[in-house]
């Protein structure tokens, strides 16, 4: 499986939230905590720029993860060339 680094931004104010090692081909649904390379948030799953909640904490496949609320973030670096 190829892993690439993507950046995850707030859809409202465009602030960088995470740099994340994305695996697989699908869209961004969840972020496993052990794959987050750089975290620009305070850890409360809210955007530091506008305060909007962008994810919820969950356990997925026995691993802690952030379940992304669709429409609250956009990504850069997803397309594979």
PDB file of N, CA and C in Angstrom:
ATOM      1  N   UNK A   1       0.858  -1.187   0.000  1.00  0.00           N
ATOM      2  CA  UNK A   1       0.000   0.000   0.000  1.00  0.00           C
ATOM      3  C   UNK A   1       0.896   1.239   0.000  1.00  0.00           C
ATOM      4  N   UNK A   2       0.583   2.179  -0.855  1.00  0.00           N
ATOM      5  CA  UNK A   2       1.362   3.416  -0.900  1.00  0.00           C
ATOM      6  C   UNK A   2       0.828   4.392   0.148  1.00  0.00           C
ATOM      7  N   UNK A   3       1.738   5.053   0.800  1.00  0.00           N
ATOM      8  CA  UNK A   3       1.377   6.053   1.808  1.00  0.00           C
ATOM      9  C   UNK A   3       1.908   7.388   1.325  1.00  0.00           C
ATOM     10  N   UNK A   4       1.063   8.417   1.374  1.00  0.00           N
ATOM     11  CA  UNK A   4       1.501   9.748   0.986  1.00  0.00           C
ATOM     12  C   UNK A   4       1.081  10.738   2.066  1.00  0.00           C
ATOM     13  N   UNK A   5       1.786  11.844   2.144  1.00  0.00           N
ATOM     14  CA  UNK A   5       1.482  12.867   3.138  1.00  0.00           C
ATOM     15  C   UNK A   5       0.545  13.890   2.511  1.00  0.00           C
ATOM     16  N   UNK A   6      -0.590  14.105   3.178  1.00  0.00           N
ATOM     17  CA  UNK A   6      -1.555  15.094   2.722  1.00  0.00           C
ATOM     18  C   UNK A   6      -1.687  16.168   3.797  1.00  0.00           C
ATOM     19  N   UNK A   7      -2.170  17.325   3.406  1.00  0.00           N
ATOM     20  CA  UNK A   7      -2.461  18.363   4.395  1.00  0.00           C
ATOM     21  C   UNK A   7      -3.971  18.521   4.488  1.00  0.00           C
ATOM     22  N   UNK A   8      -4.445  18.677   5.702  1.00  0.00           N
ATOM     23  CA  UNK A   8      -5.880  18.783   5.985  1.00  0.00           C
ATOM     24  C   UNK A   8      -6.142  20.188   6.515  1.00  0.00           C
ATOM     25  N   UNK A   9      -7.060  20.910   5.843  1.00  0.00           N
ATOM     26  CA  UNK A   9      -7.343  22.310   6.168  1.00  0.00           C
ATOM     27  C   UNK A   9      -8.808  22.478   6.561  1.00  0.00           C
ATOM     28  N   UNK A  10      -9.088  23.517   7.349  1.00  0.00           N
ATOM     29  CA  UNK A  10     -10.462  23.889   7.690  1.00  0.00           C
ATOM     30  C   UNK A  10     -11.149  24.423   6.435  1.00  0.00           C
ATOM     31  N   UNK A  11     -12.362  23.970   6.177  1.00  0.00           N
ATOM     32  CA  UNK A  11     -13.092  24.391   4.982  1.00  0.00           C
ATOM     33  C   UNK A  11     -13.598  25.831   5.112  1.00  0.00           C
ATOM     34  N   UNK A  12     -13.764  26.308   6.328  1.00  0.00           N
ATOM     35  CA  UNK A  12     -14.315  27.651   6.531  1.00  0.00           C
ATOM     36  C   UNK A  12     -13.229  28.732   6.466  1.00  0.00           C
ATOM     37  N   UNK A  13     -12.154  28.568   7.234  1.00  0.00           N
ATOM     38  CA  UNK A  13     -11.139  29.634   7.310  1.00  0.00           C
ATOM     39  C   UNK A  13      -9.798  29.234   6.693  1.00  0.00           C
ATOM     40  N   UNK A  14      -9.691  28.022   6.166  1.00  0.00           N
ATOM     41  CA  UNK A  14      -8.519  27.545   5.420  1.00  0.00           C
ATOM     42  C   UNK A  14      -7.237  27.377   6.240  1.00  0.00           C
ATOM     43  N   UNK A  15      -7.347  27.299   7.562  1.00  0.00           N
ATOM     44  CA  UNK A  15      -6.186  27.093   8.431  1.00  0.00           C
ATOM     45  C   UNK A  15      -5.731  25.638   8.322  1.00  0.00           C
ATOM     46  N   UNK A  16      -4.412  25.409   8.313  1.00  0.00           N
ATOM     47  CA  UNK A  16      -3.874  24.048   8.295  1.00  0.00           C
ATOM     48  C   UNK A  16      -4.119  23.389   9.644  1.00  0.00           C
ATOM     49  N   UNK A  17      -4.765  22.223   9.626  1.00  0.00           N
ATOM     50  CA  UNK A  17      -5.061  21.487  10.850  1.00  0.00           C
ATOM     51  C   UNK A  17      -4.041  20.380  11.085  1.00  0.00           C
ATOM     52  N   UNK A  18      -3.824  19.531  10.071  1.00  0.00           N
ATOM     53  CA  UNK A  18      -2.938  18.372  10.193  1.00  0.00           C
ATOM     54  C   UNK A  18      -2.101  18.201   8.946  1.00  0.00           C
ATOM     55  N   UNK A  19      -0.976  17.523   9.127  1.00  0.00           N
ATOM     56  CA  UNK A  19      -0.284  16.841   8.034  1.00  0.00           C
ATOM     57  C   UNK A  19      -0.413  15.376   8.403  1.00  0.00           C
ATOM     58  N   UNK A  20      -0.841  14.556   7.448  1.00  0.00           N
ATOM     59  CA  UNK A  20      -1.277  13.193   7.756  1.00  0.00           C
ATOM     60  C   UNK A  20      -0.763  12.214   6.714  1.00  0.00           C
ATOM     61  N   UNK A  21      -0.311  11.032   7.162  1.00  0.00           N
ATOM     62  CA  UNK A  21       0.101   9.957   6.252  1.00  0.00           C
ATOM     63  C   UNK A  21      -1.146   9.184   5.832  1.00  0.00           C
ATOM     64  N   UNK A  22      -1.604   9.413   4.612  1.00  0.00           N
ATOM     65  CA  UNK A  22      -2.822   8.771   4.095  1.00  0.00           C
ATOM     66  C   UNK A  22      -2.447   7.508   3.345  1.00  0.00           C
ATOM     67  N   UNK A  23      -3.128   6.436   3.645  1.00  0.00           N
ATOM     68  CA  UNK A  23      -2.950   5.186   2.914  1.00  0.00           C
ATOM     69  C   UNK A  23      -4.231   4.866   2.176  1.00  0.00           C
ATOM     70  N   UNK A  24      -4.142   4.089   1.132  1.00  0.00           N
ATOM     71  CA  UNK A  24      -5.334   3.704   0.385  1.00  0.00           C
ATOM     72  C   UNK A  24      -5.744   4.735  -0.640  1.00  0.00           C
ATOM     73  N   UNK A  25      -6.811   4.392  -1.362  1.00  0.00           N
ATOM     74  CA  UNK A  25      -7.232   5.214  -2.492  1.00  0.00           C
ATOM     75  C   UNK A  25      -8.475   6.040  -2.241  1.00  0.00           C
ATOM     76  N   UNK A  26      -9.252   5.734  -1.217  1.00  0.00           N
ATOM     77  CA  UNK A  26     -10.531   6.404  -0.992  1.00  0.00           C
ATOM     78  C   UNK A  26     -10.401   7.801  -0.433  1.00  0.00           C
ATOM     79  N   UNK A  27     -11.535   8.404  -0.175  1.00  0.00           N
ATOM     80  CA  UNK A  27     -11.570   9.745   0.398  1.00  0.00           C
ATOM     81  C   UNK A  27     -11.191   9.724   1.867  1.00  0.00           C
ATOM     82  N   UNK A  28     -11.018  10.889   2.444  1.00  0.00           N
ATOM     83  CA  UNK A  28     -10.641  11.009   3.845  1.00  0.00           C
ATOM     84  C   UNK A  28     -11.881  10.870   4.724  1.00  0.00           C
ATOM     85  N   UNK A  29     -11.924   9.812   5.516  1.00  0.00           N
ATOM     86  CA  UNK A  29     -13.047   9.557   6.412  1.00  0.00           C
ATOM     87  C   UNK A  29     -12.590   9.642   7.857  1.00  0.00           C
ATOM     88  N   UNK A  30     -11.378   9.135   8.118  1.00  0.00           N
ATOM     89  CA  UNK A  30     -10.850   9.089   9.479  1.00  0.00           C
ATOM     90  C   UNK A  30      -9.359   9.351   9.459  1.00  0.00           C
ATOM     91  N   UNK A  31      -8.847   9.825  10.583  1.00  0.00           N
ATOM     92  CA  UNK A  31      -7.412  10.023  10.764  1.00  0.00           C
ATOM     93  C   UNK A  31      -6.986   9.242  11.992  1.00  0.00           C
ATOM     94  N   UNK A  32      -6.177   8.206  11.800  1.00  0.00           N
ATOM     95  CA  UNK A  32      -5.622   7.483  12.930  1.00  0.00           C
ATOM     96  C   UNK A  32      -4.566   8.354  13.589  1.00  0.00           C
ATOM     97  N   UNK A  33      -4.571   8.422  14.913  1.00  0.00           N
ATOM     98  CA  UNK A  33      -3.669   9.317  15.629  1.00  0.00           C
ATOM     99  C   UNK A  33      -2.204   8.995  15.390  1.00  0.00           C
ATOM    100  N   UNK A  34      -1.863   7.713  15.223  1.00  0.00           N
ATOM    101  CA  UNK A  34      -0.455   7.355  15.019  1.00  0.00           C
ATOM    102  C   UNK A  34       0.052   7.718  13.624  1.00  0.00           C
ATOM    103  N   UNK A  35      -0.830   8.148  12.728  1.00  0.00           N
ATOM    104  CA  UNK A  35      -0.419   8.551  11.384  1.00  0.00           C
ATOM    105  C   UNK A  35      -0.371  10.068  11.207  1.00  0.00           C
ATOM    106  N   UNK A  36      -0.772  10.829  12.229  1.00  0.00           N
ATOM    107  CA  UNK A  36      -0.707  12.285  12.153  1.00  0.00           C
ATOM    108  C   UNK A  36       0.752  12.700  12.326  1.00  0.00           C
ATOM    109  N   UNK A  37       1.289  13.376  11.308  1.00  0.00           N
ATOM    110  CA  UNK A  37       2.693  13.779  11.307  1.00  0.00           C
ATOM    111  C   UNK A  37       2.864  15.098  12.056  1.00  0.00           C
ATOM    112  N   UNK A  38       1.982  16.052  11.775  1.00  0.00           N
ATOM    113  CA  UNK A  38       2.066  17.379  12.381  1.00  0.00           C
ATOM    114  C   UNK A  38       0.660  17.811  12.756  1.00  0.00           C
ATOM    115  N   UNK A  39       0.458  18.154  14.027  1.00  0.00           N
ATOM    116  CA  UNK A  39      -0.854  18.557  14.531  1.00  0.00           C
ATOM    117  C   UNK A  39      -0.798  20.025  14.901  1.00  0.00           C
ATOM    118  N   UNK A  40      -1.579  20.866  14.200  1.00  0.00           N
ATOM    119  CA  UNK A  40      -1.593  22.300  14.466  1.00  0.00           C
ATOM    120  C   UNK A  40      -2.778  22.698  15.360  1.00  0.00           C
ATOM    121  N   UNK A  41      -3.563  21.716  15.817  1.00  0.00           N
ATOM    122  CA  UNK A  41      -4.711  22.012  16.677  1.00  0.00           C
ATOM    123  C   UNK A  41      -4.280  21.903  18.133  1.00  0.00           C
ATOM    124  N   UNK A  42      -5.167  22.295  19.030  1.00  0.00           N
ATOM    125  CA  UNK A  42      -4.885  22.212  20.463  1.00  0.00           C
ATOM    126  C   UNK A  42      -5.204  20.811  20.982  1.00  0.00           C
ATOM    127  N   UNK A  43      -5.820  19.981  20.148  1.00  0.00           N
ATOM    128  CA  UNK A  43      -6.184  18.634  20.560  1.00  0.00           C
ATOM    129  C   UNK A  43      -7.644  18.493  20.925  1.00  0.00           C
ATOM    130  N   UNK A  44      -8.433  19.549  20.772  1.00  0.00           N
ATOM    131  CA  UNK A  44      -9.858  19.499  21.126  1.00  0.00           C
ATOM    132  C   UNK A  44     -10.759  19.278  19.914  1.00  0.00           C
ATOM    133  N   UNK A  45     -10.163  18.935  18.755  1.00  0.00           N
ATOM    134  CA  UNK A  45     -10.888  18.648  17.507  1.00  0.00           C
ATOM    135  C   UNK A  45     -11.676  19.865  17.010  1.00  0.00           C
ATOM    136  N   UNK A  46     -11.172  21.029  17.312  1.00  0.00           N
ATOM    137  CA  UNK A  46     -11.743  22.285  16.817  1.00  0.00           C
ATOM    138  C   UNK A  46     -10.664  23.053  16.065  1.00  0.00           C
ATOM    139  N   UNK A  47     -11.103  23.803  15.068  1.00  0.00           N
ATOM    140  CA  UNK A  47     -10.179  24.610  14.274  1.00  0.00           C
ATOM    141  C   UNK A  47      -9.611  25.730  15.146  1.00  0.00           C
ATOM    142  N   UNK A  48      -8.278  25.914  15.157  1.00  0.00           N
ATOM    143  CA  UNK A  48      -7.707  27.009  15.954  1.00  0.00           C
ATOM    144  C   UNK A  48      -8.049  28.395  15.391  1.00  0.00           C
ATOM    145  N   UNK A  49      -8.438  28.464  14.119  1.00  0.00           N
ATOM    146  CA  UNK A  49      -8.775  29.748  13.507  1.00  0.00           C
ATOM    147  C   UNK A  49     -10.183  30.218  13.810  1.00  0.00           C
ATOM    148  N   UNK A  50     -11.178  29.347  13.565  1.00  0.00           N
ATOM    149  CA  UNK A  50     -12.579  29.776  13.708  1.00  0.00           C
ATOM    150  C   UNK A  50     -13.323  29.048  14.833  1.00  0.00           C
ATOM    151  N   UNK A  51     -12.716  28.020  15.426  1.00  0.00           N
ATOM    152  CA  UNK A  51     -13.339  27.316  16.542  1.00  0.00           C
ATOM    153  C   UNK A  51     -14.378  26.285  16.150  1.00  0.00           C
ATOM    154  N   UNK A  52     -14.496  25.999  14.861  1.00  0.00           N
ATOM    155  CA  UNK A  52     -15.493  25.056  14.366  1.00  0.00           C
ATOM    156  C   UNK A  52     -15.034  23.606  14.575  1.00  0.00           C
ATOM    157  N   UNK A  53     -15.928  22.752  15.057  1.00  0.00           N
ATOM    158  CA  UNK A  53     -15.603  21.336  15.258  1.00  0.00           C
ATOM    159  C   UNK A  53     -15.488  20.646  13.898  1.00  0.00           C
ATOM    160  N   UNK A  54     -14.387  19.911  13.677  1.00  0.00           N
ATOM    161  CA  UNK A  54     -14.182  19.251  12.392  1.00  0.00           C
ATOM    162  C   UNK A  54     -14.118  17.734  12.496  1.00  0.00           C
ATOM    163  N   UNK A  55     -14.054  17.166  13.700  1.00  0.00           N
ATOM    164  CA  UNK A  55     -13.947  15.713  13.856  1.00  0.00           C
ATOM    165  C   UNK A  55     -14.464  15.292  15.228  1.00  0.00           C
ATOM    166  N   UNK A  56     -14.657  13.965  15.371  1.00  0.00           N
ATOM    167  CA  UNK A  56     -15.058  13.373  16.650  1.00  0.00           C
ATOM    168  C   UNK A  56     -14.094  12.249  16.995  1.00  0.00           C
ATOM    169  N   UNK A  57     -13.768  12.107  18.264  1.00  0.00           N
ATOM    170  CA  UNK A  57     -12.850  11.058  18.708  1.00  0.00           C
ATOM    171  C   UNK A  57     -13.590   9.726  18.748  1.00  0.00           C
ATOM    172  N   UNK A  58     -12.976   8.683  18.197  1.00  0.00           N
ATOM    173  CA  UNK A  58     -13.564   7.343  18.185  1.00  0.00           C
ATOM    174  C   UNK A  58     -12.470   6.300  18.222  1.00  0.00           C
ATOM    175  N   UNK A  59     -12.851   5.076  18.575  1.00  0.00           N
ATOM    176  CA  UNK A  59     -11.960   3.931  18.426  1.00  0.00           C
ATOM    177  C   UNK A  59     -12.404   3.204  17.162  1.00  0.00           C
ATOM    178  N   UNK A  60     -11.497   3.040  16.197  1.00  0.00           N
ATOM    179  CA  UNK A  60     -11.791   2.356  14.937  1.00  0.00           C
ATOM    180  C   UNK A  60     -10.774   1.246  14.773  1.00  0.00           C
ATOM    181  N   UNK A  61     -11.246   0.033  14.617  1.00  0.00           N
ATOM    182  CA  UNK A  61     -10.399  -1.157  14.504  1.00  0.00           C
ATOM    183  C   UNK A  61      -9.447  -1.272  15.692  1.00  0.00           C
ATOM    184  N   UNK A  62      -9.909  -0.882  16.875  1.00  0.00           N
ATOM    185  CA  UNK A  62      -9.113  -0.973  18.088  1.00  0.00           C
ATOM    186  C   UNK A  62      -8.038   0.086  18.218  1.00  0.00           C
ATOM    187  N   UNK A  63      -8.056   1.102  17.350  1.00  0.00           N
ATOM    188  CA  UNK A  63      -7.058   2.178  17.383  1.00  0.00           C
ATOM    189  C   UNK A  63      -7.759   3.513  17.570  1.00  0.00           C
ATOM    190  N   UNK A  64      -7.169   4.434  18.357  1.00  0.00           N
ATOM    191  CA  UNK A  64      -7.781   5.758  18.506  1.00  0.00           C
ATOM    192  C   UNK A  64      -7.697   6.524  17.188  1.00  0.00           C
ATOM    193  N   UNK A  65      -8.803   7.185  16.843  1.00  0.00           N
ATOM    194  CA  UNK A  65      -8.869   7.901  15.568  1.00  0.00           C
ATOM    195  C   UNK A  65      -9.755   9.128  15.706  1.00  0.00           C
ATOM    196  N   UNK A  66      -9.624  10.028  14.737  1.00  0.00           N
ATOM    197  CA  UNK A  66     -10.515  11.178  14.619  1.00  0.00           C
ATOM    198  C   UNK A  66     -11.396  10.937  13.407  1.00  0.00           C
ATOM    199  N   UNK A  67     -12.702  10.819  13.632  1.00  0.00           N
ATOM    200  CA  UNK A  67     -13.670  10.624  12.546  1.00  0.00           C
ATOM    201  C   UNK A  67     -14.002  11.999  11.997  1.00  0.00           C
ATOM    202  N   UNK A  68     -13.677  12.233  10.750  1.00  0.00           N
ATOM    203  CA  UNK A  68     -13.843  13.545  10.126  1.00  0.00           C
ATOM    204  C   UNK A  68     -15.323  13.806   9.831  1.00  0.00           C
ATOM    205  N   UNK A  69     -15.803  15.003  10.172  1.00  0.00           N
ATOM    206  CA  UNK A  69     -17.159  15.421   9.825  1.00  0.00           C
ATOM    207  C   UNK A  69     -17.081  15.945   8.393  1.00  0.00           C
ATOM    208  N   UNK A  70     -17.757  15.269   7.482  1.00  0.00           N
ATOM    209  CA  UNK A  70     -17.665  15.607   6.061  1.00  0.00           C
ATOM    210  C   UNK A  70     -18.133  17.039   5.804  1.00  0.00           C
ATOM    211  N   UNK A  71     -17.400  17.733   4.953  1.00  0.00           N
ATOM    212  CA  UNK A  71     -17.719  19.109   4.614  1.00  0.00           C
ATOM    213  C   UNK A  71     -17.031  20.133   5.495  1.00  0.00           C
ATOM    214  N   UNK A  72     -16.415  19.709   6.584  1.00  0.00           N
ATOM    215  CA  UNK A  72     -15.757  20.635   7.502  1.00  0.00           C
ATOM    216  C   UNK A  72     -14.283  20.832   7.161  1.00  0.00           C
ATOM    217  N   UNK A  73     -13.711  19.916   6.361  1.00  0.00           N
ATOM    218  CA  UNK A  73     -12.299  20.028   5.991  1.00  0.00           C
ATOM    219  C   UNK A  73     -12.135  19.832   4.491  1.00  0.00           C
ATOM    220  N   UNK A  74     -10.997  20.286   3.976  1.00  0.00           N
ATOM    221  CA  UNK A  74     -10.607  19.933   2.615  1.00  0.00           C
ATOM    222  C   UNK A  74      -9.148  19.523   2.660  1.00  0.00           C
ATOM    223  N   UNK A  75      -8.725  18.771   1.653  1.00  0.00           N
ATOM    224  CA  UNK A  75      -7.393  18.211   1.664  1.00  0.00           C
ATOM    225  C   UNK A  75      -6.595  18.674   0.459  1.00  0.00           C
ATOM    226  N   UNK A  76      -5.277  18.661   0.617  1.00  0.00           N
ATOM    227  CA  UNK A  76      -4.362  18.921  -0.488  1.00  0.00           C
ATOM    228  C   UNK A  76      -3.388  17.755  -0.536  1.00  0.00           C
ATOM    229  N   UNK A  77      -3.102  17.284  -1.734  1.00  0.00           N
ATOM    230  CA  UNK A  77      -2.146  16.199  -1.902  1.00  0.00           C
ATOM    231  C   UNK A  77      -2.792  14.836  -2.022  1.00  0.00           C
ATOM    232  N   UNK A  78      -4.116  14.784  -2.227  1.00  0.00           N
ATOM    233  CA  UNK A  78      -4.817  13.504  -2.317  1.00  0.00           C
ATOM    234  C   UNK A  78      -4.606  12.827  -3.657  1.00  0.00           C
ATOM    235  N   UNK A  79      -4.547  13.592  -4.732  1.00  0.00           N
ATOM    236  CA  UNK A  79      -4.486  12.974  -6.056  1.00  0.00           C
ATOM    237  C   UNK A  79      -3.144  12.298  -6.261  1.00  0.00           C
ATOM    238  N   UNK A  80      -3.190  11.119  -6.833  1.00  0.00           N
ATOM    239  CA  UNK A  80      -2.009  10.316  -7.098  1.00  0.00           C
ATOM    240  C   UNK A  80      -1.697  10.440  -8.567  1.00  0.00           C
ATOM    241  N   UNK A  81      -0.495  10.856  -8.896  1.00  0.00           N
ATOM    242  CA  UNK A  81      -0.170  11.051 -10.306  1.00  0.00           C
ATOM    243  C   UNK A  81       0.738   9.987 -10.811  1.00  0.00           C
TER     244      UNK A  81
END
